PDB file of N, CA and C in Angstrom:
ATOM      1  N   MET A   1     101.882 118.009  81.925  1.00  0.00           N
ATOM      2  CA  MET A   1     101.550 117.653  83.118  1.00  0.00           C
ATOM      3  C   MET A   1     100.281 116.624  82.892  1.00  0.00           C
ATOM      4  N   PHE A   2     100.224 115.352  83.100  1.00  0.00           N
ATOM      5  CA  PHE A   2      99.172 114.576  82.898  1.00  0.00           C
ATOM      6  C   PHE A   2      98.481 114.187  84.025  1.00  0.00           C
ATOM      7  N   LYS A   3      97.038 113.961  84.021  1.00  0.00           N
ATOM      8  CA  LYS A   3      96.271 113.586  85.204  1.00  0.00           C
ATOM      9  C   LYS A   3      95.775 112.183  84.894  1.00  0.00           C
ATOM     10  N   VAL A   4      95.847 111.148  85.688  1.00  0.00           N
ATOM     11  CA  VAL A   4      95.435 109.765  85.657  1.00  0.00           C
ATOM     12  C   VAL A   4      94.275 109.521  86.634  1.00  0.00           C
ATOM     13  N   GLU A   5      93.228 108.903  86.270  1.00  0.00           N
ATOM     14  CA  GLU A   5      92.229 108.475  87.291  1.00  0.00           C
ATOM     15  C   GLU A   5      91.981 106.988  86.939  1.00  0.00           C
ATOM     16  N   ILE A   6      92.088 106.288  88.291  1.00  0.00           N
ATOM     17  CA  ILE A   6      91.542 104.743  88.075  1.00  0.00           C
ATOM     18  C   ILE A   6      90.279 104.759  89.074  1.00  0.00           C
ATOM     19  N   LYS A   7      89.292 104.467  88.289  1.00  0.00           N
ATOM     20  CA  LYS A   7      87.722 104.850  89.030  1.00  0.00           C
ATOM     21  C   LYS A   7      87.410 103.540  89.571  1.00  0.00           C
ATOM     22  N   ASN A   8      86.853 103.402  90.684  1.00  0.00           N
ATOM     23  CA  ASN A   8      85.957 102.449  91.306  1.00  0.00           C
ATOM     24  C   ASN A   8      86.384 101.017  91.203  1.00  0.00           C
ATOM     25  N   LEU A   9      87.883 100.966  91.538  1.00  0.00           N
ATOM     26  CA  LEU A   9      88.505  99.565  91.672  1.00  0.00           C
ATOM     27  C   LEU A   9      87.995  98.858  92.640  1.00  0.00           C
ATOM     28  N   SER A  10      87.369  97.701  92.506  1.00  0.00           N
ATOM     29  CA  SER A  10      86.810  96.837  93.557  1.00  0.00           C
ATOM     30  C   SER A  10      88.027  95.960  94.358  1.00  0.00           C
ATOM     31  N   ILE A  11      88.067  96.252  95.647  1.00  0.00           N
ATOM     32  CA  ILE A  11      88.883  95.590  96.455  1.00  0.00           C
ATOM     33  C   ILE A  11      88.302  94.972  97.712  1.00  0.00           C
ATOM     34  N   LYS A  12      88.563  93.789  98.133  1.00  0.00           N
ATOM     35  CA  LYS A  12      88.036  93.388  99.344  1.00  0.00           C
ATOM     36  C   LYS A  12      88.897  93.468 100.321  1.00  0.00           C
ATOM     37  N   ALA A  13      88.509  94.046 101.521  1.00  0.00           N
ATOM     38  CA  ALA A  13      89.630  94.143 102.734  1.00  0.00           C
ATOM     39  C   ALA A  13      88.850  94.228 104.015  1.00  0.00           C
ATOM     40  N   ASN A  14      89.918  93.738 105.003  1.00  0.00           N
ATOM     41  CA  ASN A  14      89.262  93.792 106.245  1.00  0.00           C
ATOM     42  C   ASN A  14      89.765  95.217 107.065  1.00  0.00           C
ATOM     43  N   ILE A  15      88.650  95.887 107.405  1.00  0.00           N
ATOM     44  CA  ILE A  15      88.748  97.557 107.667  1.00  0.00           C
ATOM     45  C   ILE A  15      87.825  97.579 108.666  1.00  0.00           C
ATOM     46  N   GLY A  16      87.943  98.205 109.661  1.00  0.00           N
ATOM     47  CA  GLY A  16      86.714  98.868 110.465  1.00  0.00           C
ATOM     48  C   GLY A  16      87.293  98.930 112.010  1.00  0.00           C
ATOM     49  N   ILE A  17      86.611  99.677 112.741  1.00  0.00           N
ATOM     50  CA  ILE A  17      86.937 100.104 114.102  1.00  0.00           C
ATOM     51  C   ILE A  17      86.957  98.785 115.009  1.00  0.00           C
ATOM     52  N   THR A  18      85.802  98.048 114.704  1.00  0.00           N
ATOM     53  CA  THR A  18      85.596  96.785 115.730  1.00  0.00           C
ATOM     54  C   THR A  18      86.250  95.576 115.017  1.00  0.00           C
ATOM     55  N   ALA A  19      86.687  94.756 116.053  1.00  0.00           N
ATOM     56  CA  ALA A  19      87.049  93.490 115.638  1.00  0.00           C
ATOM     57  C   ALA A  19      86.189  92.439 114.832  1.00  0.00           C
ATOM     58  N   GLU A  20      85.009  92.658 115.230  1.00  0.00           N
ATOM     59  CA  GLU A  20      83.855  92.044 114.366  1.00  0.00           C
ATOM     60  C   GLU A  20      83.823  92.503 112.964  1.00  0.00           C
ATOM     61  N   GLU A  21      83.964  93.676 112.941  1.00  0.00           N
ATOM     62  CA  GLU A  21      83.935  94.441 111.645  1.00  0.00           C
ATOM     63  C   GLU A  21      85.215  94.111 110.510  1.00  0.00           C
ATOM     64  N   ARG A  22      86.281  94.023 111.251  1.00  0.00           N
ATOM     65  CA  ARG A  22      87.565  93.664 110.726  1.00  0.00           C
ATOM     66  C   ARG A  22      87.611  92.132 110.388  1.00  0.00           C
ATOM     67  N   ALA A  23      86.739  91.207 110.892  1.00  0.00           N
ATOM     68  CA  ALA A  23      86.756  89.921 110.772  1.00  0.00           C
ATOM     69  C   ALA A  23      86.245  89.376 109.307  1.00  0.00           C
ATOM     70  N   ILE A  24      85.522  90.292 108.896  1.00  0.00           N
ATOM     71  CA  ILE A  24      84.849  90.045 107.423  1.00  0.00           C
ATOM     72  C   ILE A  24      85.346  90.838 106.602  1.00  0.00           C
ATOM     73  N   LYS A  25      85.781  90.421 105.333  1.00  0.00           N
ATOM     74  CA  LYS A  25      86.058  91.289 104.199  1.00  0.00           C
ATOM     75  C   LYS A  25      84.997  92.070 103.778  1.00  0.00           C
ATOM     76  N   GLN A  26      85.264  93.252 103.567  1.00  0.00           N
ATOM     77  CA  GLN A  26      84.301  94.213 103.163  1.00  0.00           C
ATOM     78  C   GLN A  26      84.692  94.639 101.704  1.00  0.00           C
ATOM     79  N   LEU A  27      83.666  94.927 100.808  1.00  0.00           N
ATOM     80  CA  LEU A  27      84.037  95.409  99.458  1.00  0.00           C
ATOM     81  C   LEU A  27      84.205  96.876  99.456  1.00  0.00           C
ATOM     82  N   LEU A  28      85.351  97.275  99.119  1.00  0.00           N
ATOM     83  CA  LEU A  28      85.514  98.701  98.897  1.00  0.00           C
ATOM     84  C   LEU A  28      85.730  99.153  97.506  1.00  0.00           C
ATOM     85  N   LYS A  29      85.180 100.253  97.129  1.00  0.00           N
ATOM     86  CA  LYS A  29      85.259 100.912  95.673  1.00  0.00           C
ATOM     87  C   LYS A  29      86.309 101.944  95.837  1.00  0.00           C
ATOM     88  N   VAL A  30      87.753 101.789  95.433  1.00  0.00           N
ATOM     89  CA  VAL A  30      88.751 102.721  95.390  1.00  0.00           C
ATOM     90  C   VAL A  30      88.867 103.378  94.239  1.00  0.00           C
ATOM     91  N   THR A  31      89.009 104.781  94.194  1.00  0.00           N
ATOM     92  CA  THR A  31      89.389 105.610  93.145  1.00  0.00           C
ATOM     93  C   THR A  31      90.512 106.630  93.399  1.00  0.00           C
ATOM     94  N   LEU A  32      91.479 106.234  92.373  1.00  0.00           N
ATOM     95  CA  LEU A  32      92.736 106.956  92.672  1.00  0.00           C
ATOM     96  C   LEU A  32      92.862 107.959  91.395  1.00  0.00           C
ATOM     97  N   SER A  33      93.360 109.237  91.767  1.00  0.00           N
ATOM     98  CA  SER A  33      93.848 110.054  90.731  1.00  0.00           C
ATOM     99  C   SER A  33      95.183 110.756  91.144  1.00  0.00           C
ATOM    100  N   PHE A  34      95.922 110.969  89.979  1.00  0.00           N
ATOM    101  CA  PHE A  34      97.298 111.582  90.390  1.00  0.00           C
ATOM    102  C   PHE A  34      97.795 112.336  89.352  1.00  0.00           C
ATOM    103  N   LYS A  35      98.908 113.019  89.329  1.00  0.00           N
ATOM    104  CA  LYS A  35      99.443 113.891  88.105  1.00  0.00           C
ATOM    105  C   LYS A  35     100.831 113.570  88.168  1.00  0.00           C
ATOM    106  N   TYR A  36     101.390 113.655  86.972  1.00  0.00           N
ATOM    107  CA  TYR A  36     102.828 113.532  86.667  1.00  0.00           C
ATOM    108  C   TYR A  36     103.358 114.180  85.561  1.00  0.00           C
ATOM    109  N   SER A  37     104.468 114.415  85.517  1.00  0.00           N
ATOM    110  CA  SER A  37     104.966 115.167  84.299  1.00  0.00           C
ATOM    111  C   SER A  37     106.030 114.309  83.447  1.00  0.00           C
ATOM    112  N   VAL A  38     106.139 114.712  82.114  1.00  0.00           N
ATOM    113  CA  VAL A  38     107.086 113.927  81.373  1.00  0.00           C
ATOM    114  C   VAL A  38     107.704 115.057  80.499  1.00  0.00           C
ATOM    115  N   LYS A  39     109.206 114.772  80.478  1.00  0.00           N
ATOM    116  CA  LYS A  39     109.950 115.615  79.604  1.00  0.00           C
ATOM    117  C   LYS A  39     109.655 115.775  78.259  1.00  0.00           C
ATOM    118  N   ASN A  40     109.458 116.838  77.599  1.00  0.00           N
ATOM    119  CA  ASN A  40     109.203 116.970  76.241  1.00  0.00           C
ATOM    120  C   ASN A  40     109.891 115.971  75.125  1.00  0.00           C
ATOM    121  N   SER A  41     111.307 115.797  75.574  1.00  0.00           N
ATOM    122  CA  SER A  41     111.972 115.073  74.752  1.00  0.00           C
ATOM    123  C   SER A  41     111.818 113.598  74.753  1.00  0.00           C
ATOM    124  N   TYR A  42     110.793 113.193  75.635  1.00  0.00           N
ATOM    125  CA  TYR A  42     110.714 111.690  75.765  1.00  0.00           C
ATOM    126  C   TYR A  42     109.634 111.207  74.738  1.00  0.00           C
ATOM    127  N   ASP A  43     109.978 109.899  74.454  1.00  0.00           N
ATOM    128  CA  ASP A  43     108.993 109.242  73.338  1.00  0.00           C
ATOM    129  C   ASP A  43     107.770 108.643  74.394  1.00  0.00           C
ATOM    130  N   LEU A  44     106.690 109.262  74.169  1.00  0.00           N
ATOM    131  CA  LEU A  44     105.485 108.741  74.968  1.00  0.00           C
ATOM    132  C   LEU A  44     104.877 107.538  74.433  1.00  0.00           C
ATOM    133  N   ASN A  45     105.361 106.909  73.495  1.00  0.00           N
ATOM    134  CA  ASN A  45     105.000 105.738  73.093  1.00  0.00           C
ATOM    135  C   ASN A  45     105.800 104.353  73.710  1.00  0.00           C
ATOM    136  N   LYS A  46     106.611 104.761  74.532  1.00  0.00           N
ATOM    137  CA  LYS A  46     107.370 103.828  75.379  1.00  0.00           C
ATOM    138  C   LYS A  46     107.127 103.891  76.788  1.00  0.00           C
ATOM    139  N   ILE A  47     106.795 102.707  77.462  1.00  0.00           N
ATOM    140  CA  ILE A  47     106.236 102.577  78.592  1.00  0.00           C
ATOM    141  C   ILE A  47     107.122 103.064  79.864  1.00  0.00           C
ATOM    142  N   GLN A  48     108.342 102.791  79.492  1.00  0.00           N
ATOM    143  CA  GLN A  48     109.394 103.574  80.619  1.00  0.00           C
ATOM    144  C   GLN A  48     109.376 105.092  80.596  1.00  0.00           C
ATOM    145  N   ASN A  49     108.765 105.678  79.746  1.00  0.00           N
ATOM    146  CA  ASN A  49     108.520 107.103  79.604  1.00  0.00           C
ATOM    147  C   ASN A  49     107.399 107.667  80.253  1.00  0.00           C
ATOM    148  N   VAL A  50     106.410 106.947  80.642  1.00  0.00           N
ATOM    149  CA  VAL A  50     105.053 107.148  81.162  1.00  0.00           C
ATOM    150  C   VAL A  50     105.000 106.300  82.310  1.00  0.00           C
ATOM    151  N   LYS A  51     103.845 106.591  83.167  1.00  0.00           N
ATOM    152  CA  LYS A  51     103.597 105.819  84.345  1.00  0.00           C
ATOM    153  C   LYS A  51     102.953 104.414  83.910  1.00  0.00           C
ATOM    154  N   ASP A  52     103.364 103.454  84.598  1.00  0.00           N
ATOM    155  CA  ASP A  52     102.630 102.072  84.284  1.00  0.00           C
ATOM    156  C   ASP A  52     101.258 101.973  85.213  1.00  0.00           C
ATOM    157  N   TYR A  53     100.281 102.049  84.532  1.00  0.00           N
ATOM    158  CA  TYR A  53      99.069 102.140  85.295  1.00  0.00           C
ATOM    159  C   TYR A  53      98.783 101.029  85.935  1.00  0.00           C
ATOM    160  N   SER A  54      99.203  99.848  85.339  1.00  0.00           N
ATOM    161  CA  SER A  54      98.937  98.375  85.798  1.00  0.00           C
ATOM    162  C   SER A  54      99.845  98.065  86.894  1.00  0.00           C
ATOM    163  N   SER A  55     100.982  98.440  86.981  1.00  0.00           N
ATOM    164  CA  SER A  55     101.720  98.387  88.354  1.00  0.00           C
ATOM    165  C   SER A  55     101.250  99.077  89.388  1.00  0.00           C
ATOM    166  N   ILE A  56     100.951 100.325  89.166  1.00  0.00           N
ATOM    167  CA  ILE A  56     100.219 101.357  90.248  1.00  0.00           C
ATOM    168  C   ILE A  56      98.964 100.714  90.830  1.00  0.00           C
ATOM    169  N   THR A  57      97.981 100.013  89.845  1.00  0.00           N
ATOM    170  CA  THR A  57      96.799  99.369  90.333  1.00  0.00           C
ATOM    171  C   THR A  57      97.056  98.190  91.105  1.00  0.00           C
ATOM    172  N   LYS A  58      98.224  97.348  90.687  1.00  0.00           N
ATOM    173  CA  LYS A  58      98.613  96.173  91.443  1.00  0.00           C
ATOM    174  C   LYS A  58      98.979  96.393  92.828  1.00  0.00           C
ATOM    175  N   TYR A  59      99.813  97.493  92.885  1.00  0.00           N
ATOM    176  CA  TYR A  59     100.273  97.871  94.095  1.00  0.00           C
ATOM    177  C   TYR A  59      99.147  98.463  95.117  1.00  0.00           C
ATOM    178  N   LEU A  60      98.328  99.368  94.421  1.00  0.00           N
ATOM    179  CA  LEU A  60      97.246  99.725  95.250  1.00  0.00           C
ATOM    180  C   LEU A  60      96.428  98.792  95.935  1.00  0.00           C
ATOM    181  N   LYS A  61      96.150  97.662  95.159  1.00  0.00           N
ATOM    182  CA  LYS A  61      95.069  96.708  95.423  1.00  0.00           C
ATOM    183  C   LYS A  61      95.892  95.877  96.447  1.00  0.00           C
ATOM    184  N   GLU A  62      96.999  95.499  96.465  1.00  0.00           N
ATOM    185  CA  GLU A  62      97.986  94.731  97.459  1.00  0.00           C
ATOM    186  C   GLU A  62      97.951  95.660  98.688  1.00  0.00           C
ATOM    187  N   LYS A  63      98.144  96.898  98.686  1.00  0.00           N
ATOM    188  CA  LYS A  63      98.419  97.684  99.828  1.00  0.00           C
ATOM    189  C   LYS A  63      96.918  97.816 100.720  1.00  0.00           C
ATOM    190  N   VAL A  64      95.839  97.958 100.040  1.00  0.00           N
ATOM    191  CA  VAL A  64      94.552  98.062 100.525  1.00  0.00           C
ATOM    192  C   VAL A  64      94.378  96.701 101.193  1.00  0.00           C
ATOM    193  N   LYS A  65      94.405  95.549 100.640  1.00  0.00           N
ATOM    194  CA  LYS A  65      94.156  94.084 100.857  1.00  0.00           C
ATOM    195  C   LYS A  65      94.869  93.730 102.208  1.00  0.00           C
ATOM    196  N   ASN A  66      96.296  94.082 102.242  1.00  0.00           N
ATOM    197  CA  ASN A  66      96.844  93.774 103.296  1.00  0.00           C
ATOM    198  C   ASN A  66      97.103  94.911 104.450  1.00  0.00           C
ATOM    199  N   SER A  67      96.360  95.896 104.444  1.00  0.00           N
ATOM    200  CA  SER A  67      96.394  96.883 105.472  1.00  0.00           C
ATOM    201  C   SER A  67      95.910  96.511 106.857  1.00  0.00           C
ATOM    202  N   ASN A  68      96.628  97.105 107.766  1.00  0.00           N
ATOM    203  CA  ASN A  68      96.130  96.879 109.153  1.00  0.00           C
ATOM    204  C   ASN A  68      95.365  98.151 109.661  1.00  0.00           C
ATOM    205  N   SER A  69      94.899  99.177 108.832  1.00  0.00           N
ATOM    206  CA  SER A  69      94.247 100.171 109.154  1.00  0.00           C
ATOM    207  C   SER A  69      92.987  99.776 109.496  1.00  0.00           C
ATOM    208  N   HIS A  70      92.452 100.592 110.649  1.00  0.00           N
ATOM    209  CA  HIS A  70      91.159 100.446 111.272  1.00  0.00           C
ATOM    210  C   HIS A  70      90.266 101.471 110.565  1.00  0.00           C
ATOM    211  N   THR A  71      90.674 102.598 110.194  1.00  0.00           N
ATOM    212  CA  THR A  71      89.732 103.591 109.400  1.00  0.00           C
ATOM    213  C   THR A  71      90.128 103.924 108.175  1.00  0.00           C
ATOM    214  N   LEU A  72      89.250 104.292 107.283  1.00  0.00           N
ATOM    215  CA  LEU A  72      89.498 104.649 105.965  1.00  0.00           C
ATOM    216  C   LEU A  72      90.528 105.875 105.929  1.00  0.00           C
ATOM    217  N   GLU A  73      90.393 106.689 106.839  1.00  0.00           N
ATOM    218  CA  GLU A  73      91.156 108.027 106.841  1.00  0.00           C
ATOM    219  C   GLU A  73      92.614 107.462 106.895  1.00  0.00           C
ATOM    220  N   HIS A  74      92.925 106.617 108.129  1.00  0.00           N
ATOM    221  CA  HIS A  74      94.316 106.283 108.076  1.00  0.00           C
ATOM    222  C   HIS A  74      94.776 105.505 106.807  1.00  0.00           C
ATOM    223  N   LEU A  75      93.962 104.835 106.292  1.00  0.00           N
ATOM    224  CA  LEU A  75      94.308 104.095 104.981  1.00  0.00           C
ATOM    225  C   LEU A  75      94.799 104.910 103.796  1.00  0.00           C
ATOM    226  N   ILE A  76      93.950 105.837 103.788  1.00  0.00           N
ATOM    227  CA  ILE A  76      94.066 106.896 102.565  1.00  0.00           C
ATOM    228  C   ILE A  76      95.417 107.507 102.601  1.00  0.00           C
ATOM    229  N   ILE A  77      95.713 108.215 103.922  1.00  0.00           N
ATOM    230  CA  ILE A  77      96.790 108.895 104.292  1.00  0.00           C
ATOM    231  C   ILE A  77      98.005 108.078 103.981  1.00  0.00           C
ATOM    232  N   LYS A  78      98.122 106.848 104.454  1.00  0.00           N
ATOM    233  CA  LYS A  78      99.206 105.939 104.368  1.00  0.00           C
ATOM    234  C   LYS A  78      99.506 105.560 103.054  1.00  0.00           C
ATOM    235  N   ILE A  79      98.575 105.172 102.225  1.00  0.00           N
ATOM    236  CA  ILE A  79      98.641 104.656 100.790  1.00  0.00           C
ATOM    237  C   ILE A  79      99.000 106.033  99.848  1.00  0.00           C
ATOM    238  N   SER A  80      98.405 107.021 100.272  1.00  0.00           N
ATOM    239  CA  SER A  80      98.859 108.167  99.528  1.00  0.00           C
ATOM    240  C   SER A  80     100.328 108.369  99.555  1.00  0.00           C
ATOM    241  N   LYS A  81     100.880 108.477 100.729  1.00  0.00           N
ATOM    242  CA  LYS A  81     102.352 108.573 100.855  1.00  0.00           C
ATOM    243  C   LYS A  81     103.291 107.623 100.235  1.00  0.00           C
ATOM    244  N   ASP A  82     102.659 106.536 100.183  1.00  0.00           N
ATOM    245  CA  ASP A  82     103.411 105.196  99.600  1.00  0.00           C
ATOM    246  C   ASP A  82     103.499 105.220  98.098  1.00  0.00           C
ATOM    247  N   LEU A  83     102.397 105.658  97.480  1.00  0.00           N
ATOM    248  CA  LEU A  83     102.244 105.842  96.199  1.00  0.00           C
ATOM    249  C   LEU A  83     103.169 107.114  95.700  1.00  0.00           C
ATOM    250  N   GLU A  84     102.981 107.921  96.190  1.00  0.00           N
ATOM    251  CA  GLU A  84     103.897 109.351  95.963  1.00  0.00           C
ATOM    252  C   GLU A  84     105.185 108.822  95.836  1.00  0.00           C
ATOM    253  N   LYS A  85     105.643 108.374  96.781  1.00  0.00           N
ATOM    254  CA  LYS A  85     107.130 107.898  97.113  1.00  0.00           C
ATOM    255  C   LYS A  85     107.687 106.783  96.065  1.00  0.00           C
ATOM    256  N   LYS A  86     106.597 105.681  95.917  1.00  0.00           N
ATOM    257  CA  LYS A  86     107.229 104.576  95.129  1.00  0.00           C
ATOM    258  C   LYS A  86     107.158 104.952  93.519  1.00  0.00           C
ATOM    259  N   PHE A  87     106.001 105.755  93.263  1.00  0.00           N
ATOM    260  CA  PHE A  87     105.853 106.071  91.709  1.00  0.00           C
ATOM    261  C   PHE A  87     106.109 107.430  91.337  1.00  0.00           C
ATOM    262  N   LYS A  88     106.697 108.262  92.255  1.00  0.00           N
ATOM    263  CA  LYS A  88     107.119 109.577  91.898  1.00  0.00           C
ATOM    264  C   LYS A  88     105.817 110.239  91.182  1.00  0.00           C
ATOM    265  N   ILE A  89     104.806 110.223  91.862  1.00  0.00           N
ATOM    266  CA  ILE A  89     103.536 110.938  91.420  1.00  0.00           C
ATOM    267  C   ILE A  89     103.084 112.038  92.353  1.00  0.00           C
ATOM    268  N   LYS A  90     102.269 113.040  91.988  1.00  0.00           N
ATOM    269  CA  LYS A  90     102.113 114.166  92.771  1.00  0.00           C
ATOM    270  C   LYS A  90     100.480 114.144  92.655  1.00  0.00           C
ATOM    271  N   ASP A  91     100.210 115.135  93.739  1.00  0.00           N
ATOM    272  CA  ASP A  91      98.595 115.239  93.806  1.00  0.00           C
ATOM    273  C   ASP A  91      97.849 114.016  93.864  1.00  0.00           C
ATOM    274  N   VAL A  92      98.326 113.117  94.767  1.00  0.00           N
ATOM    275  CA  VAL A  92      97.401 111.765  94.754  1.00  0.00           C
ATOM    276  C   VAL A  92      96.271 112.065  95.626  1.00  0.00           C
ATOM    277  N   LYS A  93      95.087 111.660  95.165  1.00  0.00           N
ATOM    278  CA  LYS A  93      93.854 111.716  95.694  1.00  0.00           C
ATOM    279  C   LYS A  93      93.111 110.281  95.718  1.00  0.00           C
ATOM    280  N   ILE A  94      92.568 109.957  96.643  1.00  0.00           N
ATOM    281  CA  ILE A  94      91.947 108.689  96.969  1.00  0.00           C
ATOM    282  C   ILE A  94      90.747 108.900  97.607  1.00  0.00           C
ATOM    283  N   THR A  95      89.780 108.098  97.063  1.00  0.00           N
ATOM    284  CA  THR A  95      88.365 108.094  97.490  1.00  0.00           C
ATOM    285  C   THR A  95      87.987 106.711  97.765  1.00  0.00           C
ATOM    286  N   ILE A  96      87.628 106.127  98.916  1.00  0.00           N
ATOM    287  CA  ILE A  96      87.297 105.016  99.227  1.00  0.00           C
ATOM    288  C   ILE A  96      85.703 104.829  99.779  1.00  0.00           C
ATOM    289  N   ASN A  97      84.992 104.035  98.911  1.00  0.00           N
ATOM    290  CA  ASN A  97      83.552 103.822  99.217  1.00  0.00           C
ATOM    291  C   ASN A  97      83.332 102.651  99.905  1.00  0.00           C
ATOM    292  N   LYS A  98      82.615 102.649 101.043  1.00  0.00           N
ATOM    293  CA  LYS A  98      82.243 101.249 101.688  1.00  0.00           C
ATOM    294  C   LYS A  98      80.847 101.036 101.360  1.00  0.00           C
ATOM    295  N   THR A  99      80.828 100.204 100.220  1.00  0.00           N
ATOM    296  CA  THR A  99      79.362 100.016  99.574  1.00  0.00           C
ATOM    297  C   THR A  99      78.489  99.213 100.533  1.00  0.00           C
ATOM    298  N   ALA A 100      78.924  98.317 101.510  1.00  0.00           N
ATOM    299  CA  ALA A 100      77.921  97.577 102.192  1.00  0.00           C
ATOM    300  C   ALA A 100      77.280  98.815 103.462  1.00  0.00           C
ATOM    301  N   VAL A 101      78.191  99.543 103.756  1.00  0.00           N
ATOM    302  CA  VAL A 101      77.684 100.780 104.789  1.00  0.00           C
ATOM    303  C   VAL A 101      76.802 101.436 104.134  1.00  0.00           C
ATOM    304  N   ALA A 102      76.919 101.669 102.873  1.00  0.00           N
ATOM    305  CA  ALA A 102      76.068 102.640 102.350  1.00  0.00           C
ATOM    306  C   ALA A 102      74.679 102.027 102.228  1.00  0.00           C
ATOM    307  N   LYS A 103      74.624 100.675 101.775  1.00  0.00           N
ATOM    308  CA  LYS A 103      73.409  99.895 101.630  1.00  0.00           C
ATOM    309  C   LYS A 103      72.619  99.827 102.926  1.00  0.00           C
ATOM    310  N   LYS A 104      73.422  99.646 104.033  1.00  0.00           N
ATOM    311  CA  LYS A 104      73.012  99.598 105.421  1.00  0.00           C
ATOM    312  C   LYS A 104      72.102 100.803 105.755  1.00  0.00           C
ATOM    313  N   TYR A 105      72.572 101.838 105.376  1.00  0.00           N
ATOM    314  CA  TYR A 105      72.075 103.124 105.667  1.00  0.00           C
ATOM    315  C   TYR A 105      70.979 103.715 104.695  1.00  0.00           C
ATOM    316  N   GLY A 106      70.940 103.017 103.522  1.00  0.00           N
ATOM    317  CA  GLY A 106      69.988 103.415 102.516  1.00  0.00           C
ATOM    318  C   GLY A 106      70.435 104.538 101.770  1.00  0.00           C
ATOM    319  N   ALA A 107      71.817 104.609 101.689  1.00  0.00           N
ATOM    320  CA  ALA A 107      72.452 105.611 100.960  1.00  0.00           C
ATOM    321  C   ALA A 107      73.002 105.201  99.833  1.00  0.00           C
ATOM    322  N   ASP A 108      73.424 105.999  98.774  1.00  0.00           N
ATOM    323  CA  ASP A 108      73.940 105.712  97.491  1.00  0.00           C
ATOM    324  C   ASP A 108      75.448 105.435  97.704  1.00  0.00           C
ATOM    325  N   SER A 109      75.931 106.130  98.847  1.00  0.00           N
ATOM    326  CA  SER A 109      77.406 106.008  98.888  1.00  0.00           C
ATOM    327  C   SER A 109      77.860 106.506 100.248  1.00  0.00           C
ATOM    328  N   VAL A 110      78.862 105.823 100.946  1.00  0.00           N
ATOM    329  CA  VAL A 110      79.503 106.321 102.085  1.00  0.00           C
ATOM    330  C   VAL A 110      81.041 106.214 101.603  1.00  0.00           C
ATOM    331  N   SER A 111      81.681 107.433 101.672  1.00  0.00           N
ATOM    332  CA  SER A 111      83.081 107.297 101.284  1.00  0.00           C
ATOM    333  C   SER A 111      83.832 108.513 101.813  1.00  0.00           C
ATOM    334  N   VAL A 112      85.164 108.223 101.876  1.00  0.00           N
ATOM    335  CA  VAL A 112      86.111 109.084 102.554  1.00  0.00           C
ATOM    336  C   VAL A 112      87.073 109.313 101.486  1.00  0.00           C
ATOM    337  N   SER A 113      87.470 110.675 101.330  1.00  0.00           N
ATOM    338  CA  SER A 113      88.590 111.153 100.538  1.00  0.00           C
ATOM    339  C   SER A 113      89.478 112.193 101.021  1.00  0.00           C
ATOM    340  N   ASN A 114      90.671 112.101 100.449  1.00  0.00           N
ATOM    341  CA  ASN A 114      91.645 113.154 101.061  1.00  0.00           C
ATOM    342  C   ASN A 114      91.610 114.343  99.934  1.00  0.00           C
TER     343      ASN A 114
END
């Protein structure tokens, strides 16, 4: 079983409860981790036998950018399910940090994770 982590991916998205908050793209820092298994007989030097991190990262970025979610909680649940299904991965964990909100409150971070 392999564990993969893509940490602090910068993505700008329109997310928030109010229309005013959603009107302006906010910088989000997204961390994704997941697990997957590979059969022992597979050649691990061939991309078709392992997970393509580039494809997963591009998919994650597009899903966050084009989301119509109002809350981070909704976004995390929706994207976790999509990733598990599309890429056949397990134990998907997502953390999203709203950097602007953290600065606004004088905090190091304000994040939500599953």
